[in-house]
Structure formats: C-alpha cells, structure tokens
Amino acid sequence: MSNLIRYFIAVFLIGVGVMLVLANFGFVDFGFGTIWHHLYPVLILAIGIKWLYDYLRKWGTHWFLGLFFIVFGGLLILDRFEVLTFYFKDIFKLWPLLIIYFGFLLIGIERGQNGNFVFTFEDDDEKKSQYVKKQNFTVGSQDYSQPNWKVEPMNINTFAGDFYLDFTKAFIPEKETPISIRSLAGDVHILMPENVEFRIEAHVKAGEIDILGNDWAGVNRSYKYETEGYEAAVSKIDLFIKLKAGSIRVDHV
C-alpha cells in the first residue's frame, strides 16, 4: 500500500509541475479547478501505463484495463490541449475496445514460459494441451476423453465453455492430482471410475450441482464430497470447480 501511495504522490507532483510550466507560458490558468481538470487525465494515463507494464513484466493481470486506461486518459489529455473533443462522459464511445478484447479471448492469448505471448486456438489440440495447465481467459469447450490421456495438474480460468472429463479413459498417476476449473458460464461433466478415489469442492452461483446422484439446484449452491478411501489412496484426484452460471455433474462408471 505504501508503494501505491508513493506512486500516486509522485504522479501528482509531476502533474503539478507540468501545470506550473504550462501556466508560466500562458497555456493554462493556474487554479485548483483547472489543475484537477488537467491532472486527472494524467493520473488515468499513468495508472494504465503501470498496469500494462506490470502485466508485461508478469507482475499483474490487468492488461485490458491497462490498455483501456491508456486510451481513455490519452483522449482526455488530447481534449485538454484542444487537439480533439472528448469528455469524461464519452467513455461509452470506447465500447468497441470490448470487441477487440473478446477477439483476443476467442483465440486465447497467453504468455509462454520464455515471457513471449502465445496464441492458442481452440481447435489446436497440440497447443491447447501444451499450455492447458496455465490456461486463462478463454472461450470454448474442452473435451478430455481421448484414450489414455494423461491426467496432470490443471488450473483453468475461462469466460465461457463446457468441459467433459472422462477419467475412465485416462492415465492417472500414483499421486494426488489437483484440478481447478473456474468459469463465468458453462457446464462441467465428469465421468469417474468407481475404483478411483476423489474429492470435489463445487460452487455454482446460479445453476445445478449433481454429484453421484445428489442434486442441488438454485442460487449460491455449494457442495463438498470425498470418497471413503481418499486419504489412504495413492492415486487420487482433487477437484475444485466454481461457476457463476451453469451445471456441475459427476457420475460413477
């Protein structure tokens, strides 16, 4: 928090200094209202630059907000220097940026291990499996039902999409394997062999949870389940699934 306060104080001092220079040359009238009118766009721009910089350095996740604040603050600054006309209320005119954002989501933008950006298409199985353990902010369904597919730790965050995981066809290693799925909207269907121990923590903001025939539907539903032999088992699967809207279903086969 102290670093954040120091950051804003630094931006404020820089902005005041710029305003004083402009006032000395007669470009602006130096008053509190005028200062704030010209300073807050600089603050918005600076926050955007910091967020985007943090994301590029792998310190943060706000790349879209960073880009949005840079564009928004930049347009406000151009308005202050009468290059174009753009008011704070015109923020709604920037809605096409959301189209660009969802375009990136559809192809799946990720950062590889070397720090470079990697684009993974939903129909590219090889790349999808290569980066699935750190897959973030994607749209599309995923099917894990190939013969002898290898069960590995997963941490998947999606905006929308369905998941089908058939563990009866999987190679399950002799260890505890955590699998986490978070999505705004979608359905998760899991087939679990009766001889495989597992536990699950399921959360649905609005929708349905069906774990081995135990069914709950409605708003803010949660359920935790653990098989009897889970603690003593060598091969076991630890599931965490959280949906804003959708259904979670686990069946024994």
C-alpha atoms as a PDB file:
ATOM      1  CA  MET A   1       0.000   0.000   0.000  1.00  0.00           C
ATOM      2  CA  SER A   2       2.863   2.383   0.787  1.00  0.00           C
ATOM      3  CA  ASN A   3       4.280   1.872  -2.702  1.00  0.00           C
ATOM      4  CA  LEU A   4       0.887   2.698  -4.201  1.00  0.00           C
ATOM      5  CA  ILE A   5       0.597   5.900  -2.154  1.00  0.00           C
ATOM      6  CA  ARG A   6       4.123   6.906  -3.119  1.00  0.00           C
ATOM      7  CA  TYR A   7       3.270   6.214  -6.743  1.00  0.00           C
ATOM      8  CA  PHE A   8       0.224   8.498  -6.715  1.00  0.00           C
ATOM      9  CA  ILE A   9       2.093  11.237  -4.858  1.00  0.00           C
ATOM     10  CA  ALA A  10       4.832  11.070  -7.485  1.00  0.00           C
ATOM     11  CA  VAL A  11       2.294  11.328 -10.316  1.00  0.00           C
ATOM     12  CA  PHE A  12       0.566  14.214  -8.544  1.00  0.00           C
ATOM     13  CA  LEU A  13       3.830  16.151  -8.154  1.00  0.00           C
ATOM     14  CA  ILE A  14       4.754  15.524 -11.759  1.00  0.00           C
ATOM     15  CA  GLY A  15       1.335  16.718 -12.880  1.00  0.00           C
ATOM     16  CA  VAL A  16       1.520  19.872 -10.762  1.00  0.00           C
ATOM     17  CA  GLY A  17       4.982  20.598 -12.128  1.00  0.00           C
ATOM     18  CA  VAL A  18       3.733  20.253 -15.690  1.00  0.00           C
ATOM     19  CA  MET A  19       0.797  22.540 -14.919  1.00  0.00           C
ATOM     20  CA  LEU A  20       3.137  25.186 -13.474  1.00  0.00           C
ATOM     21  CA  VAL A  21       5.289  25.081 -16.586  1.00  0.00           C
ATOM     22  CA  LEU A  22       2.236  25.438 -18.826  1.00  0.00           C
ATOM     23  CA  ALA A  23       0.929  28.283 -16.659  1.00  0.00           C
ATOM     24  CA  ASN A  24       4.255  30.149 -16.937  1.00  0.00           C
ATOM     25  CA  PHE A  25       3.934  30.061 -20.715  1.00  0.00           C
ATOM     26  CA  GLY A  26       0.308  31.148 -20.614  1.00  0.00           C
ATOM     27  CA  PHE A  27      -1.175  27.906 -21.908  1.00  0.00           C
ATOM     28  CA  VAL A  28      -3.453  27.364 -18.872  1.00  0.00           C
ATOM     29  CA  ASP A  29      -4.860  29.342 -15.957  1.00  0.00           C
ATOM     30  CA  PHE A  30      -3.367  28.109 -12.701  1.00  0.00           C
ATOM     31  CA  GLY A  31      -6.289  27.394 -10.364  1.00  0.00           C
ATOM     32  CA  PHE A  32      -7.353  24.328  -8.391  1.00  0.00           C
ATOM     33  CA  GLY A  33     -10.238  23.581 -10.735  1.00  0.00           C
ATOM     34  CA  THR A  34      -8.003  23.969 -13.743  1.00  0.00           C
ATOM     35  CA  ILE A  35      -5.287  21.860 -12.146  1.00  0.00           C
ATOM     36  CA  TRP A  36      -7.671  18.985 -11.447  1.00  0.00           C
ATOM     37  CA  HIS A  37      -9.263  19.310 -14.879  1.00  0.00           C
ATOM     38  CA  HIS A  38      -5.864  18.772 -16.481  1.00  0.00           C
ATOM     39  CA  LEU A  39      -4.343  16.478 -13.868  1.00  0.00           C
ATOM     40  CA  TYR A  40      -6.815  13.601 -13.532  1.00  0.00           C
ATOM     41  CA  PRO A  41      -6.389  12.513 -17.183  1.00  0.00           C
ATOM     42  CA  VAL A  42      -2.664  12.234 -16.449  1.00  0.00           C
ATOM     43  CA  LEU A  43      -3.441  10.059 -13.410  1.00  0.00           C
ATOM     44  CA  ILE A  44      -5.670   7.801 -15.521  1.00  0.00           C
ATOM     45  CA  LEU A  45      -2.974   7.503 -18.179  1.00  0.00           C
ATOM     46  CA  ALA A  46      -0.296   6.774 -15.569  1.00  0.00           C
ATOM     47  CA  ILE A  47      -2.372   4.024 -13.949  1.00  0.00           C
ATOM     48  CA  GLY A  48      -2.943   2.434 -17.349  1.00  0.00           C
ATOM     49  CA  ILE A  49       0.750   2.514 -18.177  1.00  0.00           C
ATOM     50  CA  LYS A  50       1.610   0.958 -14.799  1.00  0.00           C
ATOM     51  CA  TRP A  51      -0.930  -1.876 -15.169  1.00  0.00           C
ATOM     52  CA  LEU A  52       0.199  -2.680 -18.697  1.00  0.00           C
ATOM     53  CA  TYR A  53       3.858  -2.523 -17.629  1.00  0.00           C
ATOM     54  CA  ASP A  54       3.161  -4.841 -14.682  1.00  0.00           C
ATOM     55  CA  TYR A  55       1.449  -7.304 -16.998  1.00  0.00           C
ATOM     56  CA  LEU A  56       4.343  -7.288 -19.470  1.00  0.00           C
ATOM     57  CA  ARG A  57       6.736  -7.908 -16.574  1.00  0.00           C
ATOM     58  CA  LYS A  58       4.463 -10.741 -15.337  1.00  0.00           C
ATOM     59  CA  TRP A  59       3.604  -8.884 -12.133  1.00  0.00           C
ATOM     60  CA  GLY A  60      -0.095  -8.359 -12.826  1.00  0.00           C
ATOM     61  CA  THR A  61      -3.112  -9.476 -14.856  1.00  0.00           C
ATOM     62  CA  HIS A  62      -4.796  -6.177 -15.786  1.00  0.00           C
ATOM     63  CA  TRP A  63      -3.595  -5.916 -19.385  1.00  0.00           C
ATOM     64  CA  PHE A  64      -7.004  -4.941 -20.782  1.00  0.00           C
ATOM     65  CA  LEU A  65      -7.708  -2.399 -18.038  1.00  0.00           C
ATOM     66  CA  GLY A  66      -4.234  -1.001 -18.582  1.00  0.00           C
ATOM     67  CA  LEU A  67      -4.886  -0.607 -22.297  1.00  0.00           C
ATOM     68  CA  PHE A  68      -8.321   0.889 -21.638  1.00  0.00           C
ATOM     69  CA  PHE A  69      -6.972   3.457 -19.172  1.00  0.00           C
ATOM     70  CA  ILE A  70      -4.172   4.424 -21.566  1.00  0.00           C
ATOM     71  CA  VAL A  71      -6.637   5.084 -24.396  1.00  0.00           C
ATOM     72  CA  PHE A  72      -9.124   6.839 -22.100  1.00  0.00           C
ATOM     73  CA  GLY A  73      -6.521   9.022 -20.391  1.00  0.00           C
ATOM     74  CA  GLY A  74      -4.805   9.794 -23.685  1.00  0.00           C
ATOM     75  CA  LEU A  75      -8.035  11.003 -25.282  1.00  0.00           C
ATOM     76  CA  LEU A  76      -8.797  13.202 -22.257  1.00  0.00           C
ATOM     77  CA  ILE A  77      -5.319  14.738 -22.469  1.00  0.00           C
ATOM     78  CA  LEU A  78      -5.757  15.434 -26.181  1.00  0.00           C
ATOM     79  CA  ASP A  79      -9.038  17.149 -25.323  1.00  0.00           C
ATOM     80  CA  ARG A  80      -7.322  19.345 -22.740  1.00  0.00           C
ATOM     81  CA  PHE A  81      -4.861  20.525 -25.398  1.00  0.00           C
ATOM     82  CA  GLU A  82      -7.762  21.062 -27.843  1.00  0.00           C
ATOM     83  CA  VAL A  83      -6.473  18.506 -30.312  1.00  0.00           C
ATOM     84  CA  LEU A  84      -9.904  16.859 -30.319  1.00  0.00           C
ATOM     85  CA  THR A  85     -13.119  16.966 -28.301  1.00  0.00           C
ATOM     86  CA  PHE A  86     -13.522  14.185 -25.753  1.00  0.00           C
ATOM     87  CA  TYR A  87     -15.318  14.460 -22.403  1.00  0.00           C
ATOM     88  CA  PHE A  88     -15.356  12.079 -19.445  1.00  0.00           C
ATOM     89  CA  LYS A  89     -18.933  11.077 -20.301  1.00  0.00           C
ATOM     90  CA  ASP A  90     -17.696   9.955 -23.717  1.00  0.00           C
ATOM     91  CA  ILE A  91     -16.180   6.890 -22.075  1.00  0.00           C
ATOM     92  CA  PHE A  92     -19.077   4.891 -23.532  1.00  0.00           C
ATOM     93  CA  LYS A  93     -17.728   5.619 -27.016  1.00  0.00           C
ATOM     94  CA  LEU A  94     -14.869   3.261 -26.225  1.00  0.00           C
ATOM     95  CA  TRP A  95     -17.118   0.203 -26.215  1.00  0.00           C
ATOM     96  CA  PRO A  96     -15.505  -1.165 -29.452  1.00  0.00           C
ATOM     97  CA  LEU A  97     -12.458  -1.958 -27.300  1.00  0.00           C
ATOM     98  CA  LEU A  98     -14.555  -4.745 -25.791  1.00  0.00           C
ATOM     99  CA  ILE A  99     -14.885  -6.291 -29.265  1.00  0.00           C
ATOM    100  CA  ILE A 100     -11.109  -6.274 -29.576  1.00  0.00           C
ATOM    101  CA  TYR A 101     -10.837  -7.798 -26.093  1.00  0.00           C
ATOM    102  CA  PHE A 102     -13.232 -10.638 -26.840  1.00  0.00           C
ATOM    103  CA  GLY A 103     -11.416 -11.208 -30.118  1.00  0.00           C
ATOM    104  CA  PHE A 104      -8.282 -11.975 -28.112  1.00  0.00           C
ATOM    105  CA  LEU A 105     -10.329 -14.210 -25.818  1.00  0.00           C
ATOM    106  CA  LEU A 106     -11.647 -16.250 -28.729  1.00  0.00           C
ATOM    107  CA  ILE A 107      -8.176 -17.143 -29.930  1.00  0.00           C
ATOM    108  CA  GLY A 108      -6.787 -17.398 -26.406  1.00  0.00           C
ATOM    109  CA  ILE A 109      -3.896 -15.085 -25.584  1.00  0.00           C
ATOM    110  CA  GLU A 110      -1.359 -16.470 -23.135  1.00  0.00           C
ATOM    111  CA  ARG A 111       2.212 -15.887 -22.076  1.00  0.00           C
ATOM    112  CA  GLY A 112       4.689 -18.703 -22.660  1.00  0.00           C
ATOM    113  CA  GLN A 113       7.464 -19.799 -20.312  1.00  0.00           C
ATOM    114  CA  ASN A 114      10.007 -17.540 -22.042  1.00  0.00           C
ATOM    115  CA  GLY A 115       7.863 -14.442 -21.472  1.00  0.00           C
ATOM    116  CA  ASN A 116       6.630 -14.238 -25.064  1.00  0.00           C
ATOM    117  CA  PHE A 117       2.946 -14.186 -25.902  1.00  0.00           C
ATOM    118  CA  VAL A 118       1.440 -17.368 -27.270  1.00  0.00           C
ATOM    119  CA  PHE A 119      -1.831 -17.612 -29.157  1.00  0.00           C
ATOM    120  CA  THR A 120      -3.654 -20.934 -28.800  1.00  0.00           C
ATOM    121  CA  PHE A 121      -6.646 -21.656 -30.984  1.00  0.00           C
ATOM    122  CA  GLU A 122      -9.452 -23.730 -29.536  1.00  0.00           C
ATOM    123  CA  ASP A 123      -9.205 -26.279 -32.370  1.00  0.00           C
ATOM    124  CA  ASP A 124      -5.431 -26.683 -31.981  1.00  0.00           C
ATOM    125  CA  ASP A 125      -5.217 -29.739 -29.712  1.00  0.00           C
ATOM    126  CA  GLU A 126      -1.435 -29.829 -29.570  1.00  0.00           C
ATOM    127  CA  LYS A 127      -1.043 -26.256 -28.357  1.00  0.00           C
ATOM    128  CA  LYS A 128      -4.061 -26.498 -26.112  1.00  0.00           C
ATOM    129  CA  SER A 129      -2.620 -29.486 -24.274  1.00  0.00           C
ATOM    130  CA  GLN A 130       0.784 -27.824 -24.090  1.00  0.00           C
ATOM    131  CA  TYR A 131      -0.484 -24.762 -22.242  1.00  0.00           C
ATOM    132  CA  VAL A 132      -3.594 -26.123 -20.535  1.00  0.00           C
ATOM    133  CA  LYS A 133      -2.018 -26.052 -17.045  1.00  0.00           C
ATOM    134  CA  LYS A 134      -1.870 -22.256 -17.121  1.00  0.00           C
ATOM    135  CA  GLN A 135      -4.774 -21.530 -19.457  1.00  0.00           C
ATOM    136  CA  ASN A 136      -6.535 -18.239 -18.694  1.00  0.00           C
ATOM    137  CA  PHE A 137      -9.367 -16.146 -20.088  1.00  0.00           C
ATOM    138  CA  THR A 138     -10.523 -18.316 -22.976  1.00  0.00           C
ATOM    139  CA  VAL A 139     -13.834 -19.121 -24.600  1.00  0.00           C
ATOM    140  CA  GLY A 140     -14.688 -22.559 -25.922  1.00  0.00           C
ATOM    141  CA  SER A 141     -15.453 -26.145 -24.948  1.00  0.00           C
ATOM    142  CA  GLN A 142     -12.817 -28.666 -23.903  1.00  0.00           C
ATOM    143  CA  ASP A 143     -13.011 -32.430 -24.170  1.00  0.00           C
ATOM    144  CA  TYR A 144     -10.750 -34.792 -22.259  1.00  0.00           C
ATOM    145  CA  SER A 145     -11.880 -38.191 -23.462  1.00  0.00           C
ATOM    146  CA  GLN A 146      -9.033 -39.340 -25.665  1.00  0.00           C
ATOM    147  CA  PRO A 147      -7.815 -42.889 -24.947  1.00  0.00           C
ATOM    148  CA  ASN A 148      -5.100 -42.948 -22.273  1.00  0.00           C
ATOM    149  CA  TRP A 149      -4.974 -39.159 -21.878  1.00  0.00           C
ATOM    150  CA  LYS A 150      -2.565 -38.162 -19.135  1.00  0.00           C
ATOM    151  CA  VAL A 151      -4.018 -36.605 -16.003  1.00  0.00           C
ATOM    152  CA  GLU A 152      -1.899 -33.632 -14.911  1.00  0.00           C
ATOM    153  CA  PRO A 153      -2.470 -30.696 -12.538  1.00  0.00           C
ATOM    154  CA  MET A 154      -4.756 -28.126 -14.178  1.00  0.00           C
ATOM    155  CA  ASN A 155      -5.649 -24.562 -13.299  1.00  0.00           C
ATOM    156  CA  ILE A 156      -8.139 -23.348 -15.892  1.00  0.00           C
ATOM    157  CA  ASN A 157      -9.961 -19.999 -15.901  1.00  0.00           C
ATOM    158  CA  THR A 158     -12.473 -19.418 -18.686  1.00  0.00           C
ATOM    159  CA  PHE A 159     -15.167 -16.913 -19.539  1.00  0.00           C
ATOM    160  CA  ALA A 160     -17.493 -19.444 -21.117  1.00  0.00           C
ATOM    161  CA  GLY A 161     -17.308 -23.049 -22.218  1.00  0.00           C
ATOM    162  CA  ASP A 162     -18.242 -26.640 -21.468  1.00  0.00           C
ATOM    163  CA  PHE A 163     -15.908 -29.262 -20.010  1.00  0.00           C
ATOM    164  CA  TYR A 164     -16.092 -33.017 -20.449  1.00  0.00           C
ATOM    165  CA  LEU A 165     -13.567 -35.073 -18.461  1.00  0.00           C
ATOM    166  CA  ASP A 166     -13.723 -38.858 -18.835  1.00  0.00           C
ATOM    167  CA  PHE A 167     -11.331 -40.309 -16.267  1.00  0.00           C
ATOM    168  CA  THR A 168     -12.298 -43.870 -17.278  1.00  0.00           C
ATOM    169  CA  LYS A 169     -10.097 -43.372 -20.350  1.00  0.00           C
ATOM    170  CA  ALA A 170      -7.287 -41.539 -18.547  1.00  0.00           C
ATOM    171  CA  PHE A 171      -3.853 -42.492 -17.295  1.00  0.00           C
ATOM    172  CA  ILE A 172      -3.948 -41.437 -13.630  1.00  0.00           C
ATOM    173  CA  PRO A 173      -0.532 -41.118 -11.930  1.00  0.00           C
ATOM    174  CA  GLU A 174       0.173 -42.503  -8.455  1.00  0.00           C
ATOM    175  CA  LYS A 175      -0.137 -39.220  -6.613  1.00  0.00           C
ATOM    176  CA  GLU A 176      -2.703 -36.592  -5.669  1.00  0.00           C
ATOM    177  CA  THR A 177      -3.567 -34.548  -8.765  1.00  0.00           C
ATOM    178  CA  PRO A 178      -5.275 -31.156  -8.260  1.00  0.00           C
ATOM    179  CA  ILE A 179      -7.626 -29.919 -10.975  1.00  0.00           C
ATOM    180  CA  SER A 180      -9.199 -26.455 -10.755  1.00  0.00           C
ATOM    181  CA  ILE A 181     -11.809 -25.102 -13.167  1.00  0.00           C
ATOM    182  CA  ARG A 182     -13.322 -21.612 -12.882  1.00  0.00           C
ATOM    183  CA  SER A 183     -15.750 -20.205 -15.430  1.00  0.00           C
ATOM    184  CA  LEU A 184     -18.336 -17.469 -15.762  1.00  0.00           C
ATOM    185  CA  ALA A 185     -20.700 -19.724 -17.684  1.00  0.00           C
ATOM    186  CA  GLY A 186     -20.639 -23.331 -18.754  1.00  0.00           C
ATOM    187  CA  ASP A 187     -21.300 -26.970 -17.904  1.00  0.00           C
ATOM    188  CA  VAL A 188     -18.835 -29.410 -16.370  1.00  0.00           C
ATOM    189  CA  HIS A 189     -19.469 -33.138 -16.793  1.00  0.00           C
ATOM    190  CA  ILE A 190     -17.088 -35.653 -15.199  1.00  0.00           C
ATOM    191  CA  LEU A 191     -17.054 -39.439 -15.530  1.00  0.00           C
ATOM    192  CA  MET A 192     -15.158 -41.075 -12.652  1.00  0.00           C
ATOM    193  CA  PRO A 193     -14.262 -44.778 -12.385  1.00  0.00           C
ATOM    194  CA  GLU A 194     -15.602 -46.404  -9.230  1.00  0.00           C
ATOM    195  CA  ASN A 195     -12.106 -47.611  -8.286  1.00  0.00           C
ATOM    196  CA  VAL A 196     -10.580 -44.099  -8.344  1.00  0.00           C
ATOM    197  CA  GLU A 197     -10.672 -42.064  -5.146  1.00  0.00           C
ATOM    198  CA  PHE A 198     -11.509 -38.386  -5.465  1.00  0.00           C
ATOM    199  CA  ARG A 199     -12.816 -35.380  -3.630  1.00  0.00           C
ATOM    200  CA  ILE A 200     -14.582 -32.358  -5.023  1.00  0.00           C
ATOM    201  CA  GLU A 201     -15.468 -28.859  -3.923  1.00  0.00           C
ATOM    202  CA  ALA A 202     -18.180 -27.467  -6.208  1.00  0.00           C
ATOM    203  CA  HIS A 203     -19.652 -23.965  -6.267  1.00  0.00           C
ATOM    204  CA  VAL A 204     -22.358 -22.576  -8.549  1.00  0.00           C
ATOM    205  CA  LYS A 205     -23.668 -19.030  -8.281  1.00  0.00           C
ATOM    206  CA  ALA A 206     -26.732 -19.903 -10.326  1.00  0.00           C
ATOM    207  CA  GLY A 207     -27.360 -23.391 -11.632  1.00  0.00           C
ATOM    208  CA  GLU A 208     -27.169 -27.034 -10.608  1.00  0.00           C
ATOM    209  CA  ILE A 209     -24.780 -29.411  -8.847  1.00  0.00           C
ATOM    210  CA  ASP A 210     -25.200 -33.190  -9.251  1.00  0.00           C
ATOM    211  CA  ILE A 211     -22.568 -35.309  -7.508  1.00  0.00           C
ATOM    212  CA  LEU A 212     -23.197 -39.061  -7.838  1.00  0.00           C
ATOM    213  CA  GLY A 213     -26.962 -38.534  -7.846  1.00  0.00           C
ATOM    214  CA  ASN A 214     -27.017 -35.952  -5.060  1.00  0.00           C
ATOM    215  CA  ASP A 215     -28.634 -32.973  -6.731  1.00  0.00           C
ATOM    216  CA  TRP A 216     -28.908 -29.310  -5.741  1.00  0.00           C
ATOM    217  CA  ALA A 217     -30.254 -26.533  -7.948  1.00  0.00           C
ATOM    218  CA  GLY A 218     -30.811 -22.844  -7.428  1.00  0.00           C
ATOM    219  CA  VAL A 219     -28.733 -19.851  -6.368  1.00  0.00           C
ATOM    220  CA  ASN A 220     -25.451 -19.906  -4.416  1.00  0.00           C
ATOM    221  CA  ARG A 221     -25.123 -23.683  -4.299  1.00  0.00           C
ATOM    222  CA  SER A 222     -22.035 -25.376  -2.874  1.00  0.00           C
ATOM    223  CA  TYR A 223     -21.158 -28.987  -2.131  1.00  0.00           C
ATOM    224  CA  LYS A 224     -18.122 -30.866  -0.856  1.00  0.00           C
ATOM    225  CA  TYR A 225     -17.670 -34.598  -1.279  1.00  0.00           C
ATOM    226  CA  GLU A 226     -14.858 -37.056  -0.561  1.00  0.00           C
ATOM    227  CA  THR A 227     -14.780 -40.793  -1.198  1.00  0.00           C
ATOM    228  CA  GLU A 228     -14.197 -43.054   1.789  1.00  0.00           C
ATOM    229  CA  GLY A 229     -10.743 -44.204   0.763  1.00  0.00           C
ATOM    230  CA  TYR A 230      -9.434 -40.854  -0.385  1.00  0.00           C
ATOM    231  CA  GLU A 231      -6.952 -40.174   2.422  1.00  0.00           C
ATOM    232  CA  ALA A 232      -5.266 -43.575   2.177  1.00  0.00           C
ATOM    233  CA  ALA A 233      -5.237 -43.797  -1.618  1.00  0.00           C
ATOM    234  CA  VAL A 234      -2.061 -43.370  -3.665  1.00  0.00           C
ATOM    235  CA  SER A 235      -3.766 -42.337  -6.905  1.00  0.00           C
ATOM    236  CA  LYS A 236      -6.413 -39.691  -6.249  1.00  0.00           C
ATOM    237  CA  ILE A 237      -7.907 -36.590  -7.823  1.00  0.00           C
ATOM    238  CA  ASP A 238      -8.671 -33.330  -6.034  1.00  0.00           C
ATOM    239  CA  LEU A 239     -11.295 -31.282  -7.911  1.00  0.00           C
ATOM    240  CA  PHE A 240     -12.231 -27.647  -7.383  1.00  0.00           C
ATOM    241  CA  ILE A 241     -14.943 -26.270  -9.681  1.00  0.00           C
ATOM    242  CA  LYS A 242     -16.512 -22.824  -9.470  1.00  0.00           C
ATOM    243  CA  LEU A 243     -19.078 -21.474 -11.934  1.00  0.00           C
ATOM    244  CA  LYS A 244     -21.022 -18.241 -11.996  1.00  0.00           C
ATOM    245  CA  ALA A 245     -23.727 -19.879 -14.073  1.00  0.00           C
ATOM    246  CA  GLY A 246     -24.042 -23.452 -15.279  1.00  0.00           C
ATOM    247  CA  SER A 247     -24.055 -27.025 -14.026  1.00  0.00           C
ATOM    248  CA  ILE A 248     -21.574 -29.418 -12.424  1.00  0.00           C
ATOM    249  CA  ARG A 249     -22.172 -33.156 -12.754  1.00  0.00           C
ATOM    250  CA  VAL A 250     -20.080 -36.131 -11.591  1.00  0.00           C
ATOM    251  CA  ASP A 251     -21.087 -39.700 -12.465  1.00  0.00           C
ATOM    252  CA  HIS A 252     -19.588 -43.042 -11.437  1.00  0.00           C
ATOM    253  CA  VAL A 253     -18.944 -45.519 -14.242  1.00  0.00           C
END
